[in-house]
Amino acid sequence: MKLFSTKSIIFYGILGTITAFIIAPFIRSLMDFSVTTELLITTSIIIPMYAIATRLLKKYL
């Protein structure tokens, strides 16, 4: 999958929207740490999720 192809841009746009409005707030609501710690933990969960989603959905893109 090329990084700047139309399918790639649409895929990462949809994945980013789902992440920003559903997954990240859910993860942050489960924690009661400082904002910096919550952002670090949330980021450490979301980045591998992108890698896994890309590998799983690569044959469909």
Protein backbone atom coordinates (compact mmCIF):
# COMPACT_ATOMS: atom_id res chain seq x y z
CA MET A 1 0.00 0.00 0.00
CA LYS A 2 1.45 3.34 -1.00
CA LEU A 3 1.40 5.94 1.74
CA PHE A 4 -0.09 8.76 -0.33
CA SER A 5 -2.50 6.76 -2.48
CA THR A 6 -6.19 7.63 -2.39
CA LYS A 7 -7.12 4.39 -0.61
CA SER A 8 -4.40 4.91 1.99
CA ILE A 9 -5.47 8.46 2.74
CA ILE A 10 -9.12 7.41 3.10
CA PHE A 11 -8.17 4.40 5.26
CA TYR A 12 -6.03 6.43 7.67
CA GLY A 13 -8.60 9.22 7.74
CA ILE A 14 -11.35 6.83 8.80
CA LEU A 15 -9.07 5.05 11.28
CA GLY A 16 -7.97 8.40 12.73
CA THR A 17 -11.56 9.59 13.13
CA ILE A 18 -12.58 6.40 14.92
CA THR A 19 -9.51 6.65 17.12
CA ALA A 20 -9.98 10.32 17.99
CA PHE A 21 -13.67 10.17 18.84
CA ILE A 22 -14.21 6.63 20.18
CA ILE A 23 -11.08 4.70 21.17
CA ALA A 24 -8.87 7.41 22.73
CA PRO A 25 -11.60 8.92 24.96
CA PHE A 26 -12.60 5.40 26.08
CA ILE A 27 -9.02 4.51 27.03
CA ARG A 28 -8.53 7.82 28.83
CA SER A 29 -11.79 7.39 30.75
CA LEU A 30 -10.48 4.14 32.22
CA MET A 31 -7.47 5.90 33.77
CA ASP A 32 -7.11 8.48 36.50
CA PHE A 33 -3.59 9.82 35.93
CA SER A 34 -2.19 13.19 34.93
CA VAL A 35 -2.94 14.34 31.40
CA THR A 36 0.65 13.70 30.25
CA THR A 37 0.66 10.14 31.57
CA GLU A 38 -2.75 9.42 30.02
CA LEU A 39 -1.58 10.72 26.63
CA LEU A 40 1.58 8.59 26.75
CA ILE A 41 -0.35 5.44 27.67
CA THR A 42 -3.06 6.12 25.07
CA THR A 43 -0.43 6.73 22.38
CA SER A 44 1.40 3.52 23.29
CA ILE A 45 -1.85 1.63 22.68
CA ILE A 46 -2.99 3.43 19.53
CA ILE A 47 0.26 3.28 17.50
CA PRO A 48 0.50 -0.54 17.63
CA MET A 49 -3.24 -0.68 16.85
CA TYR A 50 -2.57 1.22 13.60
CA ALA A 51 0.21 -1.23 12.69
CA ILE A 52 -2.00 -4.25 13.36
CA ALA A 53 -4.96 -2.77 11.47
CA THR A 54 -2.74 -2.01 8.49
CA ARG A 55 -1.39 -5.57 8.38
CA LEU A 56 -4.81 -7.16 8.79
CA LEU A 57 -6.53 -4.97 6.20
CA LYS A 58 -3.62 -4.80 3.73
CA LYS A 59 -5.15 -7.40 1.42
CA TYR A 60 -8.37 -5.36 1.14
CA LEU A 61 -6.65 -2.07 0.29
